[in-house]
Amino acid sequence: MQGTCDFFDYRWPMSKLLSAVIGAGLLAGCAGSTEPPKTVAAPEPPRTPSLLSGIDSQYIDDTVRAQDDFYKYVNGRWLASTEIPADRGSYDPWDKLENEMQVQLRVS
């Protein structure tokens, strides 16, 4: 069509504008300081004690072989030194701690 111009074709000016904005953004990002980055020493990781297995070695019974009866091997001395109260069917370190706490609460 003769006599028409591309003045009302908005796609062409928008693509030029978008290209200009992207180019300006790239130039601004690349125009950082020429100073080398400062190196910061990495903080030393906190020192933790060696991992424990959760088995209290003071109660291990060396008279029993672990492969024969592991429960008695691990708990032998505790079983020999701890008396299960007559009113309980079982007794473990948590029960012992609870009893000691109850005694302390009654005293204070």
N, C-alpha and C. Protein backbone atom coordinates (compact mmCIF):
# COMPACT_ATOMS: atom_id res chain seq x y z
N MET A 1 0.82 -1.16 0.00
CA MET A 1 0.00 0.00 0.00
C MET A 1 0.87 1.23 0.00
N GLN A 2 0.60 2.07 -0.95
CA GLN A 2 1.39 3.30 -1.05
C GLN A 2 0.84 4.34 -0.11
N GLY A 3 1.71 5.18 0.40
CA GLY A 3 1.32 6.27 1.26
C GLY A 3 1.23 5.88 2.72
N THR A 4 1.48 4.63 3.03
CA THR A 4 1.47 4.26 4.45
C THR A 4 2.90 4.22 4.94
N CYS A 5 3.03 4.50 6.18
CA CYS A 5 4.37 4.44 6.77
C CYS A 5 4.34 3.48 7.95
N ASP A 6 5.50 3.16 8.40
CA ASP A 6 5.62 2.23 9.51
C ASP A 6 5.59 2.95 10.86
N PHE A 7 5.05 4.16 10.86
CA PHE A 7 5.02 4.95 12.09
C PHE A 7 4.16 4.27 13.16
N PHE A 8 3.09 3.61 12.76
CA PHE A 8 2.19 2.98 13.71
C PHE A 8 2.52 1.52 13.98
N ASP A 9 3.61 1.05 13.44
CA ASP A 9 4.04 -0.32 13.71
C ASP A 9 4.88 -0.30 14.98
N TYR A 10 4.28 -0.69 16.09
CA TYR A 10 4.94 -0.56 17.40
C TYR A 10 5.99 -1.63 17.66
N ARG A 11 6.01 -2.67 16.90
CA ARG A 11 6.98 -3.75 17.15
C ARG A 11 8.40 -3.30 16.88
N TRP A 12 8.63 -2.55 15.88
CA TRP A 12 9.99 -2.12 15.54
C TRP A 12 10.59 -1.22 16.60
N PRO A 13 9.94 -0.16 17.05
CA PRO A 13 10.54 0.67 18.09
C PRO A 13 10.71 -0.08 19.42
N MET A 14 9.79 -0.99 19.78
CA MET A 14 9.91 -1.72 21.03
C MET A 14 11.11 -2.65 21.01
N SER A 15 11.37 -3.29 19.90
CA SER A 15 12.52 -4.19 19.84
C SER A 15 13.83 -3.40 19.95
N LYS A 16 13.86 -2.19 19.36
CA LYS A 16 15.05 -1.36 19.51
C LYS A 16 15.22 -0.92 20.97
N LEU A 17 14.14 -0.56 21.62
CA LEU A 17 14.20 -0.13 23.01
C LEU A 17 14.65 -1.29 23.90
N LEU A 18 14.11 -2.46 23.66
CA LEU A 18 14.50 -3.62 24.45
C LEU A 18 15.97 -3.96 24.26
N SER A 19 16.45 -3.87 23.04
CA SER A 19 17.88 -4.11 22.77
C SER A 19 18.74 -3.08 23.48
N ALA A 20 18.34 -1.83 23.50
CA ALA A 20 19.10 -0.78 24.16
C ALA A 20 19.15 -1.01 25.67
N VAL A 21 18.03 -1.41 26.28
CA VAL A 21 17.98 -1.66 27.73
C VAL A 21 18.86 -2.85 28.09
N ILE A 22 18.79 -3.90 27.33
CA ILE A 22 19.62 -5.07 27.60
C ILE A 22 21.10 -4.73 27.44
N GLY A 23 21.44 -4.00 26.41
CA GLY A 23 22.84 -3.60 26.20
C GLY A 23 23.34 -2.72 27.33
N ALA A 24 22.53 -1.77 27.78
CA ALA A 24 22.94 -0.89 28.88
C ALA A 24 23.13 -1.70 30.16
N GLY A 25 22.27 -2.67 30.38
CA GLY A 25 22.39 -3.51 31.56
C GLY A 25 23.67 -4.34 31.55
N LEU A 26 24.01 -4.87 30.39
CA LEU A 26 25.24 -5.64 30.27
C LEU A 26 26.46 -4.77 30.49
N LEU A 27 26.45 -3.58 29.91
CA LEU A 27 27.58 -2.67 30.10
C LEU A 27 27.72 -2.25 31.56
N ALA A 28 26.62 -1.99 32.22
CA ALA A 28 26.68 -1.59 33.63
C ALA A 28 27.18 -2.74 34.49
N GLY A 29 26.81 -3.97 34.16
CA GLY A 29 27.27 -5.12 34.93
C GLY A 29 28.74 -5.40 34.72
N CYS A 30 29.25 -5.13 33.55
CA CYS A 30 30.65 -5.40 33.25
C CYS A 30 31.57 -4.27 33.67
N ALA A 31 31.02 -3.13 33.99
CA ALA A 31 31.84 -1.96 34.31
C ALA A 31 32.13 -1.89 35.80
N GLY A 32 32.43 -3.02 36.44
CA GLY A 32 32.75 -3.04 37.86
C GLY A 32 34.15 -2.48 38.09
N SER A 33 34.55 -2.49 39.33
CA SER A 33 35.87 -1.96 39.67
C SER A 33 36.96 -2.89 39.15
N THR A 34 38.11 -2.33 38.87
CA THR A 34 39.24 -3.12 38.37
C THR A 34 40.07 -3.65 39.53
N GLU A 35 39.68 -3.34 40.75
CA GLU A 35 40.39 -3.80 41.93
C GLU A 35 40.15 -5.30 42.11
N PRO A 36 41.21 -6.08 42.37
CA PRO A 36 41.01 -7.52 42.53
C PRO A 36 40.17 -7.79 43.79
N PRO A 37 39.39 -8.83 43.77
CA PRO A 37 38.55 -9.13 44.94
C PRO A 37 39.41 -9.50 46.15
N LYS A 38 38.96 -9.08 47.31
CA LYS A 38 39.68 -9.39 48.53
C LYS A 38 39.36 -10.82 48.94
N THR A 39 40.39 -11.54 49.32
CA THR A 39 40.18 -12.91 49.77
C THR A 39 39.99 -12.92 51.27
N VAL A 40 38.99 -13.64 51.69
CA VAL A 40 38.70 -13.76 53.10
C VAL A 40 38.95 -15.20 53.50
N ALA A 41 39.71 -15.37 54.58
CA ALA A 41 40.01 -16.72 55.03
C ALA A 41 38.73 -17.39 55.52
N ALA A 42 38.56 -18.64 55.16
CA ALA A 42 37.38 -19.38 55.58
C ALA A 42 37.45 -19.61 57.09
N PRO A 43 36.33 -19.45 57.77
CA PRO A 43 36.36 -19.68 59.22
C PRO A 43 36.66 -21.14 59.53
N GLU A 44 37.38 -21.35 60.61
CA GLU A 44 37.72 -22.71 61.01
C GLU A 44 36.47 -23.40 61.54
N PRO A 45 36.22 -24.62 61.10
CA PRO A 45 35.02 -25.31 61.58
C PRO A 45 35.12 -25.57 63.08
N PRO A 46 33.99 -25.57 63.77
CA PRO A 46 34.05 -25.79 65.22
C PRO A 46 34.56 -27.19 65.53
N ARG A 47 35.33 -27.27 66.56
CA ARG A 47 35.87 -28.57 66.95
C ARG A 47 34.84 -29.30 67.79
N THR A 48 34.54 -30.51 67.38
CA THR A 48 33.58 -31.31 68.11
C THR A 48 34.32 -32.50 68.72
N PRO A 49 33.86 -32.95 69.86
CA PRO A 49 34.50 -34.12 70.45
C PRO A 49 34.25 -35.33 69.56
N SER A 50 35.09 -36.32 69.73
CA SER A 50 34.92 -37.50 68.89
C SER A 50 33.56 -38.13 69.15
N LEU A 51 33.01 -38.70 68.13
CA LEU A 51 31.68 -39.28 68.25
C LEU A 51 31.70 -40.47 69.19
N LEU A 52 30.68 -40.55 70.00
CA LEU A 52 30.55 -41.65 70.93
C LEU A 52 29.47 -42.60 70.43
N SER A 53 29.57 -43.84 70.83
CA SER A 53 28.62 -44.83 70.34
C SER A 53 27.33 -44.84 71.12
N GLY A 54 27.31 -44.27 72.33
CA GLY A 54 26.12 -44.34 73.15
C GLY A 54 26.16 -45.51 74.11
N ILE A 55 27.18 -46.32 74.01
CA ILE A 55 27.34 -47.45 74.93
C ILE A 55 28.29 -47.01 76.03
N ASP A 56 27.82 -47.08 77.26
CA ASP A 56 28.64 -46.69 78.41
C ASP A 56 29.61 -47.83 78.70
N SER A 57 30.88 -47.60 78.44
CA SER A 57 31.86 -48.68 78.53
C SER A 57 32.14 -49.13 79.96
N GLN A 58 31.71 -48.37 80.96
CA GLN A 58 31.96 -48.81 82.34
C GLN A 58 31.12 -50.02 82.72
N TYR A 59 30.07 -50.29 81.98
CA TYR A 59 29.20 -51.43 82.29
C TYR A 59 29.48 -52.65 81.43
N ILE A 60 30.48 -52.60 80.58
CA ILE A 60 30.80 -53.75 79.73
C ILE A 60 31.41 -54.86 80.58
N ASP A 61 30.89 -56.05 80.39
CA ASP A 61 31.36 -57.22 81.14
C ASP A 61 32.34 -57.98 80.26
N ASP A 62 33.60 -57.91 80.62
CA ASP A 62 34.65 -58.55 79.81
C ASP A 62 34.69 -60.06 79.98
N THR A 63 33.96 -60.59 80.95
CA THR A 63 33.97 -62.05 81.15
C THR A 63 33.08 -62.76 80.14
N VAL A 64 32.22 -62.01 79.45
CA VAL A 64 31.33 -62.59 78.45
C VAL A 64 31.81 -62.17 77.07
N ARG A 65 31.87 -63.11 76.14
CA ARG A 65 32.27 -62.78 74.78
C ARG A 65 31.12 -62.10 74.06
N ALA A 66 31.41 -61.05 73.31
CA ALA A 66 30.37 -60.27 72.62
C ALA A 66 29.60 -61.13 71.62
N GLN A 67 30.27 -62.04 70.94
CA GLN A 67 29.58 -62.87 69.95
C GLN A 67 28.71 -63.96 70.58
N ASP A 68 28.92 -64.23 71.87
CA ASP A 68 28.08 -65.23 72.55
C ASP A 68 26.78 -64.61 73.06
N ASP A 69 26.88 -63.50 73.76
CA ASP A 69 25.69 -62.83 74.32
C ASP A 69 25.97 -61.34 74.38
N PHE A 70 25.62 -60.63 73.32
CA PHE A 70 25.96 -59.20 73.24
C PHE A 70 25.25 -58.39 74.32
N TYR A 71 24.01 -58.71 74.62
CA TYR A 71 23.27 -57.97 75.65
C TYR A 71 23.98 -58.08 76.99
N LYS A 72 24.37 -59.29 77.37
CA LYS A 72 25.05 -59.47 78.65
C LYS A 72 26.46 -58.87 78.60
N TYR A 73 27.10 -58.90 77.45
CA TYR A 73 28.43 -58.29 77.30
C TYR A 73 28.35 -56.78 77.54
N VAL A 74 27.36 -56.12 76.94
CA VAL A 74 27.24 -54.67 77.05
C VAL A 74 26.68 -54.25 78.41
N ASN A 75 25.75 -54.99 78.97
CA ASN A 75 25.06 -54.59 80.19
C ASN A 75 25.41 -55.41 81.42
N GLY A 76 26.37 -56.29 81.33
CA GLY A 76 26.66 -57.23 82.42
C GLY A 76 26.95 -56.57 83.75
N ARG A 77 27.82 -55.62 83.79
CA ARG A 77 28.15 -54.97 85.07
C ARG A 77 26.98 -54.15 85.60
N TRP A 78 26.21 -53.54 84.72
CA TRP A 78 25.05 -52.77 85.19
C TRP A 78 24.01 -53.71 85.79
N LEU A 79 23.78 -54.85 85.14
CA LEU A 79 22.82 -55.82 85.66
C LEU A 79 23.27 -56.37 87.01
N ALA A 80 24.58 -56.57 87.18
CA ALA A 80 25.11 -57.11 88.43
C ALA A 80 25.09 -56.08 89.56
N SER A 81 25.23 -54.79 89.23
CA SER A 81 25.35 -53.77 90.27
C SER A 81 24.05 -53.04 90.57
N THR A 82 23.01 -53.23 89.77
CA THR A 82 21.76 -52.50 89.95
C THR A 82 20.67 -53.46 90.40
N GLU A 83 19.99 -53.08 91.46
CA GLU A 83 18.89 -53.90 91.97
C GLU A 83 17.57 -53.35 91.42
N ILE A 84 16.78 -54.24 90.85
CA ILE A 84 15.46 -53.84 90.33
C ILE A 84 14.50 -53.78 91.52
N PRO A 85 13.84 -52.64 91.73
CA PRO A 85 12.91 -52.54 92.86
C PRO A 85 11.79 -53.58 92.75
N ALA A 86 11.31 -54.01 93.90
CA ALA A 86 10.30 -55.06 93.95
C ALA A 86 8.98 -54.62 93.32
N ASP A 87 8.70 -53.33 93.33
CA ASP A 87 7.41 -52.85 92.79
C ASP A 87 7.45 -52.57 91.30
N ARG A 88 8.54 -52.89 90.64
CA ARG A 88 8.67 -52.62 89.20
C ARG A 88 9.01 -53.89 88.45
N GLY A 89 8.51 -53.94 87.21
CA GLY A 89 8.82 -55.08 86.35
C GLY A 89 10.12 -54.89 85.59
N SER A 90 10.53 -53.63 85.43
CA SER A 90 11.79 -53.32 84.74
C SER A 90 12.40 -52.09 85.39
N TYR A 91 13.67 -51.90 85.14
CA TYR A 91 14.38 -50.76 85.74
C TYR A 91 15.55 -50.42 84.84
N ASP A 92 15.60 -49.19 84.36
CA ASP A 92 16.68 -48.77 83.47
C ASP A 92 17.25 -47.45 83.98
N PRO A 93 18.28 -46.92 83.34
CA PRO A 93 18.88 -45.66 83.82
C PRO A 93 17.89 -44.50 83.90
N TRP A 94 16.87 -44.49 83.03
CA TRP A 94 15.87 -43.41 83.10
C TRP A 94 15.05 -43.53 84.37
N ASP A 95 14.69 -44.78 84.73
CA ASP A 95 13.95 -44.98 85.97
C ASP A 95 14.80 -44.58 87.17
N LYS A 96 16.07 -44.93 87.13
CA LYS A 96 16.98 -44.57 88.21
C LYS A 96 17.07 -43.05 88.35
N LEU A 97 17.18 -42.36 87.23
CA LEU A 97 17.24 -40.90 87.23
C LEU A 97 15.94 -40.30 87.79
N GLU A 98 14.82 -40.87 87.39
CA GLU A 98 13.54 -40.38 87.88
C GLU A 98 13.42 -40.56 89.39
N ASN A 99 13.85 -41.71 89.91
CA ASN A 99 13.80 -41.94 91.35
C ASN A 99 14.68 -40.95 92.10
N GLU A 100 15.89 -40.72 91.59
CA GLU A 100 16.79 -39.76 92.25
C GLU A 100 16.20 -38.35 92.21
N MET A 101 15.54 -37.99 91.12
CA MET A 101 14.92 -36.67 91.01
C MET A 101 13.78 -36.53 92.00
N GLN A 102 12.97 -37.58 92.13
CA GLN A 102 11.84 -37.55 93.08
C GLN A 102 12.35 -37.38 94.52
N VAL A 103 13.46 -38.05 94.86
CA VAL A 103 14.03 -37.91 96.19
C VAL A 103 14.50 -36.46 96.42
N GLN A 104 15.15 -35.87 95.41
CA GLN A 104 15.62 -34.50 95.53
C GLN A 104 14.45 -33.52 95.65
N LEU A 105 13.36 -33.77 94.95
CA LEU A 105 12.20 -32.88 95.03
C LEU A 105 11.52 -32.97 96.40
N ARG A 106 11.51 -34.15 96.98
CA ARG A 106 10.91 -34.31 98.31
C ARG A 106 11.74 -33.63 99.37
N VAL A 107 13.06 -33.63 99.21
CA VAL A 107 13.96 -33.04 100.20
C VAL A 107 13.85 -31.52 100.18
N SER A 108 13.74 -30.94 98.98
CA SER A 108 13.73 -29.47 98.89
C SER A 108 12.38 -28.86 99.07
